[in-house]
Amino acid sequence: MAHQRRSEPRLSSSSYAQDTAPSIPAPAAGLDPESWSALLAPRLAQFAGVARHEHVTRAAHEMNVPQSTLSRAMVRLEQDLGVALFARRGRTVSLTPAGRAFLTSVEGALAEVERAAESVRADADPASGKVAFGFLHTMGSETVPELIRAFRADHPRVRFQLVQNYGEAMIERLRAGELDLCLTSPIPEAPDLVARRLDEQRLRLVVPDDHRLADRRRIRLAEASDETFVTLEPGYGLRRITDDLCEAAGFRPRVAFEGEEAETLRGLVAAGLGVALLPPPAVARPGVVELTVTAPRAVREVGVAWLDGHPDTPPVAAFKRFLLSRRGHLLPD
């Protein structure tokens, strides 16, 4: 990696001898072992440079620092560790066994820092960076693939880390810094989040094709008050919406089975194990009939959420703008 060089005065090589000591003092009393990283990190690259050249003057020239500064840094490093890392012979130095062992670990640590820096820079690259994007299971088969296809028409090299989960789990991952954005429902309300409504999706009452209501096209939800329901597990947004709609219709649903995925629920309905309130499927499933609910208004709002106050990388900002531009036509008709 290229670094910009600064023009700084350098001292003669004789200053090195003046700045070194023949013996290594013990570590300062009260040194907190937990502070090793903060204490040593600024000098590790300098140590590796001196070890590579076995000559302080040449190392100082390469790193564009005054030789006296580098000499003092190495002495202080040895003092902090309480270990002699270099054997000094005139203007040259060589590693002691302790210094060679230390160098192996330092080079590994510096290489890891380099990889980490390159990784985060690559993820933030406007043209080829990464977006960590979460979404509901019910949007995985059609909605999200179409969104990404449309976005990549103008951003063909942007990479996606995709996470399917239920709403509360995605919010937890947002807060943990594992996601940049998520599509979720219901739209969350929390002081640490920003959420924008993008669209709404009608929910249908799904019944077996031999059910007493199967010949109907529309239904008031109260007419299903005596039915057994299959639902998603508590904690899922669609479960909360189902409970709220049934309450608005004047009853509490009698739940026979709970699952984690809408298509599993459709399978349970097809098997005659209950009825369910579900969004429309990507592909029609045999064995069930889907009825329009006329009352109460059975919809779920879908929105995008992100952590308030967190700066976006260029690819995340571009995808966020794209999602917001799809207000009202995010979901298939």
Protein backbone atom coordinates (compact mmCIF):
# COMPACT_ATOMS: atom_id res chain seq x y z
CA MET A 1 0.00 0.00 0.00
CA ALA A 2 1.44 3.37 -0.97
CA HIS A 3 1.70 6.05 1.70
CA GLN A 4 2.30 9.74 1.11
CA ARG A 5 5.75 10.73 2.27
CA ARG A 6 6.29 13.84 4.36
CA SER A 7 9.44 15.86 4.33
CA GLU A 8 10.85 15.78 7.87
CA PRO A 9 14.38 16.44 9.18
CA ARG A 10 16.43 13.39 10.02
CA LEU A 11 19.21 13.10 12.58
CA SER A 12 22.53 11.45 11.96
CA SER A 13 23.04 7.80 12.72
CA SER A 14 25.11 8.67 15.76
CA SER A 15 21.94 9.74 17.57
CA TYR A 16 20.89 6.10 17.75
CA ALA A 17 23.75 5.21 20.08
CA GLN A 18 22.88 8.17 22.31
CA ASP A 19 19.26 7.08 22.56
CA THR A 20 19.85 3.43 23.39
CA ALA A 21 20.63 1.90 26.74
CA PRO A 22 22.89 -1.10 27.47
CA SER A 23 20.33 -2.76 29.74
CA ILE A 24 16.56 -3.05 29.66
CA PRO A 25 14.71 -1.72 32.72
CA ALA A 26 11.81 -3.65 34.21
CA PRO A 27 8.30 -2.75 33.07
CA ALA A 28 6.74 0.25 34.73
CA ALA A 29 5.01 -0.62 37.98
CA GLY A 30 1.25 -0.92 37.76
CA LEU A 31 1.15 -1.58 34.00
CA ASP A 32 -2.30 -2.92 33.22
CA PRO A 33 -2.03 -6.09 31.08
CA GLU A 34 -5.35 -5.24 29.46
CA SER A 35 -3.73 -2.16 27.93
CA TRP A 36 -1.09 -4.03 25.90
CA SER A 37 -2.87 -3.47 22.59
CA ALA A 38 -3.32 0.25 23.11
CA LEU A 39 0.21 0.58 24.47
CA LEU A 40 2.06 -1.37 21.78
CA ALA A 41 0.01 -0.99 18.60
CA PRO A 42 1.50 2.35 17.43
CA ARG A 43 5.03 0.90 17.53
CA LEU A 44 4.48 -2.53 16.01
CA ALA A 45 4.91 -1.45 12.39
CA GLN A 46 8.06 0.46 13.37
CA PHE A 47 9.42 -2.62 15.11
CA ALA A 48 8.74 -4.76 12.04
CA GLY A 49 10.50 -2.20 9.82
CA VAL A 50 13.63 -2.13 11.99
CA ALA A 51 13.63 -5.93 12.20
CA ARG A 52 13.31 -6.22 8.43
CA HIS A 53 16.23 -3.89 7.69
CA GLU A 54 18.32 -4.70 10.79
CA HIS A 55 19.34 -1.08 10.54
CA VAL A 56 17.59 1.86 12.18
CA THR A 57 18.78 4.47 9.67
CA ARG A 58 17.48 2.56 6.67
CA ALA A 59 14.21 1.73 8.44
CA ALA A 60 13.71 5.38 9.42
CA HIS A 61 14.33 6.45 5.82
CA GLU A 62 11.78 3.94 4.48
CA MET A 63 9.14 4.97 7.03
CA ASN A 64 9.94 8.67 6.62
CA VAL A 65 10.39 9.31 10.33
CA PRO A 66 13.36 10.89 12.10
CA GLN A 67 15.93 8.32 13.11
CA SER A 68 15.96 9.58 16.70
CA THR A 69 12.19 9.12 16.92
CA LEU A 70 12.46 5.54 15.70
CA SER A 71 15.37 4.80 18.02
CA ARG A 72 13.50 6.08 21.05
CA ALA A 73 10.38 4.13 20.02
CA MET A 74 12.32 0.86 19.95
CA VAL A 75 13.93 1.53 23.33
CA ARG A 76 10.55 2.38 24.81
CA LEU A 77 9.06 -0.78 23.31
CA GLU A 78 11.72 -2.89 25.00
CA GLN A 79 11.23 -1.03 28.25
CA ASP A 80 7.47 -1.57 28.16
CA LEU A 81 7.90 -5.28 27.48
CA GLY A 82 10.81 -5.70 29.86
CA VAL A 83 12.57 -7.77 27.17
CA ALA A 84 15.54 -7.09 24.91
CA LEU A 85 14.33 -7.43 21.33
CA PHE A 86 17.54 -6.29 19.59
CA ALA A 87 21.23 -6.96 19.94
CA ARG A 88 23.09 -3.78 18.95
CA ARG A 89 26.38 -3.79 17.09
CA GLY A 90 27.42 -0.29 16.17
CA ARG A 91 24.91 1.10 13.71
CA THR A 92 23.26 -2.22 13.00
CA VAL A 93 20.87 -4.30 15.03
CA SER A 94 19.86 -7.95 15.00
CA LEU A 95 16.95 -9.69 16.61
CA THR A 96 17.37 -11.59 19.85
CA PRO A 97 15.50 -14.90 20.17
CA ALA A 98 12.76 -13.00 22.01
CA GLY A 99 12.70 -10.40 19.25
CA ARG A 100 12.40 -13.05 16.55
CA ALA A 101 9.50 -14.74 18.37
CA PHE A 102 7.84 -11.35 18.83
CA LEU A 103 8.33 -10.48 15.15
CA THR A 104 6.47 -13.62 14.01
CA SER A 105 3.38 -12.60 15.96
CA VAL A 106 3.70 -8.92 15.02
CA GLU A 107 3.88 -9.71 11.31
CA GLY A 108 0.77 -11.88 11.64
CA ALA A 109 -1.07 -9.12 13.49
CA LEU A 110 -0.06 -6.46 10.96
CA ALA A 111 -1.11 -8.70 8.07
CA GLU A 112 -4.49 -9.21 9.73
CA VAL A 113 -4.91 -5.44 10.18
CA GLU A 114 -4.03 -4.97 6.52
CA ARG A 115 -6.61 -7.56 5.47
CA ALA A 116 -9.23 -5.97 7.72
CA ALA A 117 -8.53 -2.51 6.31
CA GLU A 118 -8.73 -3.73 2.73
CA SER A 119 -11.94 -5.62 3.50
CA VAL A 120 -13.78 -2.63 4.95
CA ARG A 121 -12.51 -0.40 2.14
CA ALA A 122 -13.72 -2.93 -0.43
CA ASP A 123 -17.14 -3.17 1.26
CA ALA A 124 -17.47 0.63 1.06
CA ASP A 125 -16.43 0.91 -2.57
CA PRO A 126 -19.18 2.77 -4.48
CA ALA A 127 -18.99 0.45 -7.49
CA SER A 128 -18.34 -2.95 -5.90
CA GLY A 129 -19.10 -2.58 -2.20
CA LYS A 130 -21.39 -4.69 -0.05
CA VAL A 131 -24.92 -4.28 1.30
CA ALA A 132 -26.04 -6.44 4.23
CA PHE A 133 -29.78 -6.72 3.59
CA GLY A 134 -32.39 -8.50 5.67
CA PHE A 135 -35.92 -9.39 4.63
CA LEU A 136 -38.91 -11.48 5.60
CA HIS A 137 -39.15 -15.10 4.46
CA THR A 138 -42.30 -14.30 2.47
CA MET A 139 -40.34 -11.86 0.31
CA GLY A 140 -37.54 -14.21 -0.58
CA SER A 141 -38.98 -16.03 -3.57
CA GLU A 142 -40.11 -13.08 -5.67
CA THR A 143 -39.89 -9.58 -4.21
CA VAL A 144 -36.24 -9.46 -3.14
CA PRO A 145 -34.77 -11.18 -6.23
CA GLU A 146 -36.65 -8.71 -8.43
CA LEU A 147 -35.46 -5.74 -6.34
CA ILE A 148 -31.84 -6.82 -6.57
CA ARG A 149 -32.12 -7.52 -10.29
CA ALA A 150 -33.52 -4.03 -10.90
CA PHE A 151 -30.93 -2.33 -8.67
CA ARG A 152 -28.01 -4.11 -10.28
CA ALA A 153 -29.06 -2.91 -13.71
CA ASP A 154 -27.33 0.34 -12.70
CA HIS A 155 -24.97 -1.10 -10.07
CA PRO A 156 -23.84 -4.40 -11.57
CA ARG A 157 -20.89 -5.02 -9.25
CA VAL A 158 -22.45 -4.26 -5.88
CA ARG A 159 -22.46 -7.35 -3.66
CA PHE A 160 -25.23 -8.42 -1.28
CA GLN A 161 -25.14 -10.33 1.97
CA LEU A 162 -28.73 -11.56 2.24
CA VAL A 163 -30.40 -12.59 5.49
CA GLN A 164 -33.92 -14.05 5.70
CA ASN A 165 -35.56 -13.89 9.09
CA TYR A 166 -38.59 -12.69 10.99
CA GLY A 167 -38.98 -9.03 11.93
CA GLU A 168 -37.79 -8.97 15.54
CA ALA A 169 -34.70 -11.02 14.74
CA MET A 170 -33.76 -8.64 11.92
CA ILE A 171 -34.15 -5.62 14.19
CA GLU A 172 -31.79 -7.29 16.66
CA ARG A 173 -29.27 -7.81 13.87
CA LEU A 174 -29.64 -4.19 12.77
CA ARG A 175 -28.82 -3.07 16.30
CA ALA A 176 -25.87 -5.48 16.43
CA GLY A 177 -24.42 -3.92 13.27
CA GLU A 178 -24.88 -7.11 11.25
CA LEU A 179 -27.37 -5.58 8.79
CA ASP A 180 -27.42 -2.26 6.96
CA LEU A 181 -31.10 -2.33 5.98
CA CYS A 182 -34.08 -4.62 6.37
CA LEU A 183 -37.52 -5.03 4.81
CA THR A 184 -39.95 -5.85 7.56
CA SER A 185 -43.55 -5.81 8.69
CA PRO A 186 -45.07 -4.37 10.81
CA ILE A 187 -43.04 -1.19 10.43
CA PRO A 188 -41.04 -0.81 13.66
CA GLU A 189 -41.34 2.19 15.93
CA ALA A 190 -38.29 2.72 18.13
CA PRO A 191 -36.19 5.79 18.98
CA ASP A 192 -32.99 4.23 17.67
CA LEU A 193 -34.48 3.23 14.30
CA VAL A 194 -35.56 5.02 11.16
CA ALA A 195 -38.34 3.27 9.26
CA ARG A 196 -40.15 4.23 6.07
CA ARG A 197 -43.35 2.73 4.73
CA LEU A 198 -42.90 1.37 1.22
CA ASP A 199 -46.02 -0.60 0.38
CA GLU A 200 -48.84 -2.70 1.72
CA GLN A 201 -49.83 -6.27 1.00
CA ARG A 202 -53.31 -7.76 1.21
CA LEU A 203 -53.72 -10.80 3.41
CA ARG A 204 -56.09 -13.59 2.47
CA LEU A 205 -57.89 -16.22 4.45
CA VAL A 206 -56.50 -19.52 3.16
CA VAL A 207 -58.77 -22.55 3.56
CA PRO A 208 -58.60 -26.19 2.32
CA ASP A 209 -60.19 -26.69 -1.10
CA ASP A 210 -62.87 -28.96 0.44
CA HIS A 211 -63.68 -26.49 3.23
CA ARG A 212 -67.23 -25.25 3.82
CA LEU A 213 -66.08 -21.74 2.77
CA ALA A 214 -64.11 -22.86 -0.28
CA ASP A 215 -66.80 -21.81 -2.76
CA ARG A 216 -66.71 -18.22 -1.50
CA ARG A 217 -64.58 -15.45 -3.04
CA ARG A 218 -64.92 -12.95 -0.19
CA ILE A 219 -65.44 -13.29 3.52
CA ARG A 220 -65.73 -11.25 6.66
CA LEU A 221 -63.13 -12.52 9.10
CA ALA A 222 -65.76 -12.87 11.83
CA GLU A 223 -67.25 -15.72 9.80
CA ALA A 224 -64.10 -17.74 10.60
CA SER A 225 -64.31 -17.22 14.35
CA ASP A 226 -65.09 -20.90 14.97
CA GLU A 227 -62.25 -22.16 12.78
CA THR A 228 -58.95 -23.62 13.93
CA PHE A 229 -56.03 -21.47 12.79
CA VAL A 230 -52.46 -22.30 11.85
CA THR A 231 -50.13 -19.35 12.41
CA LEU A 232 -46.56 -18.27 12.64
CA GLU A 233 -44.91 -18.42 16.03
CA PRO A 234 -45.16 -15.54 18.51
CA GLY A 235 -42.54 -12.89 17.73
CA TYR A 236 -43.25 -12.97 14.00
CA GLY A 237 -44.81 -9.81 12.62
CA LEU A 238 -47.47 -11.72 10.68
CA ARG A 239 -48.52 -13.50 13.89
CA ARG A 240 -49.05 -10.16 15.59
CA ILE A 241 -51.06 -8.89 12.61
CA THR A 242 -53.17 -12.07 12.62
CA ASP A 243 -53.95 -11.71 16.32
CA ASP A 244 -54.81 -8.01 15.89
CA LEU A 245 -57.12 -8.64 12.92
CA CYS A 246 -58.95 -11.43 14.72
CA GLU A 247 -59.35 -9.20 17.75
CA ALA A 248 -60.77 -6.45 15.51
CA ALA A 249 -63.21 -9.06 14.13
CA GLY A 250 -64.38 -9.86 17.65
CA PHE A 251 -62.65 -13.14 18.47
CA ARG A 252 -59.41 -14.70 19.61
CA PRO A 253 -58.09 -17.31 17.17
CA ARG A 254 -57.91 -20.91 18.33
CA VAL A 255 -54.41 -21.93 17.25
CA ALA A 256 -53.67 -25.58 16.50
CA PHE A 257 -50.24 -25.32 14.86
CA GLU A 258 -47.46 -22.71 14.86
CA GLY A 259 -44.70 -22.57 12.27
CA GLU A 260 -41.80 -20.44 11.01
CA GLU A 261 -42.60 -20.10 7.31
CA ALA A 262 -45.73 -19.08 5.39
CA GLU A 263 -45.53 -21.86 2.80
CA THR A 264 -45.35 -24.44 5.57
CA LEU A 265 -48.60 -23.01 6.89
CA ARG A 266 -50.15 -23.34 3.43
CA GLY A 267 -49.18 -26.99 3.44
CA LEU A 268 -50.86 -27.46 6.81
CA VAL A 269 -54.00 -25.78 5.48
CA ALA A 270 -53.96 -28.02 2.38
CA ALA A 271 -53.77 -31.01 4.74
CA GLY A 272 -56.98 -29.87 6.41
CA LEU A 273 -55.34 -28.88 9.70
CA GLY A 274 -56.77 -25.36 9.89
CA VAL A 275 -57.10 -22.02 8.14
CA ALA A 276 -54.57 -19.17 7.97
CA LEU A 277 -54.22 -15.46 7.21
CA LEU A 278 -51.37 -15.21 4.71
CA PRO A 279 -49.96 -12.93 2.03
CA PRO A 280 -50.40 -14.12 -1.56
CA PRO A 281 -48.00 -16.85 -2.67
CA ALA A 282 -45.44 -16.43 -5.43
CA VAL A 283 -46.86 -19.57 -7.08
CA ALA A 284 -50.41 -20.88 -6.57
CA ARG A 285 -50.50 -23.95 -4.36
CA PRO A 286 -52.95 -26.78 -5.05
CA GLY A 287 -55.23 -27.95 -2.28
CA VAL A 288 -56.14 -24.51 -0.94
CA VAL A 289 -58.50 -21.65 -1.77
CA GLU A 290 -57.57 -18.05 -0.94
CA LEU A 291 -60.42 -15.75 0.06
CA THR A 292 -60.42 -11.94 0.04
CA VAL A 293 -61.13 -10.59 3.55
CA THR A 294 -63.56 -7.67 3.33
CA ALA A 295 -63.69 -6.74 7.02
CA PRO A 296 -61.65 -5.77 8.84
CA ARG A 297 -59.23 -4.43 6.23
CA ALA A 298 -56.67 -7.21 6.13
CA VAL A 299 -53.31 -5.80 5.02
CA ARG A 300 -49.78 -5.66 6.30
CA GLU A 301 -47.59 -2.61 5.79
CA VAL A 302 -44.08 -3.29 4.58
CA GLY A 303 -41.24 -0.88 5.18
CA VAL A 304 -37.49 -0.48 5.23
CA ALA A 305 -35.64 0.16 8.49
CA TRP A 306 -32.13 1.17 9.47
CA LEU A 307 -30.29 2.38 12.56
CA ASP A 308 -30.64 6.08 13.22
CA GLY A 309 -27.43 8.10 13.08
CA HIS A 310 -25.30 5.42 11.44
CA PRO A 311 -23.48 6.70 8.33
CA ASP A 312 -24.06 4.74 5.14
CA THR A 313 -21.35 3.51 2.83
CA PRO A 314 -21.91 4.56 -0.80
CA PRO A 315 -23.42 1.20 -1.89
CA VAL A 316 -25.79 1.15 1.12
CA ALA A 317 -26.84 4.74 0.44
CA ALA A 318 -27.49 3.91 -3.22
CA PHE A 319 -29.62 0.85 -2.37
CA LYS A 320 -31.54 2.80 0.28
CA ARG A 321 -32.38 5.50 -2.29
CA PHE A 322 -33.46 2.78 -4.69
CA LEU A 323 -35.80 1.17 -2.14
CA LEU A 324 -37.35 4.51 -1.23
CA SER A 325 -37.92 5.21 -4.91
CA ARG A 326 -40.12 2.07 -5.06
CA ARG A 327 -42.74 3.43 -2.65
CA GLY A 328 -46.15 2.17 -3.67
CA HIS A 329 -44.85 -0.40 -6.12
CA LEU A 330 -42.44 -2.47 -4.09
CA LEU A 331 -44.59 -5.60 -4.12
CA PRO A 332 -46.07 -7.44 -7.09
CA ASP A 333 -49.75 -6.75 -7.75
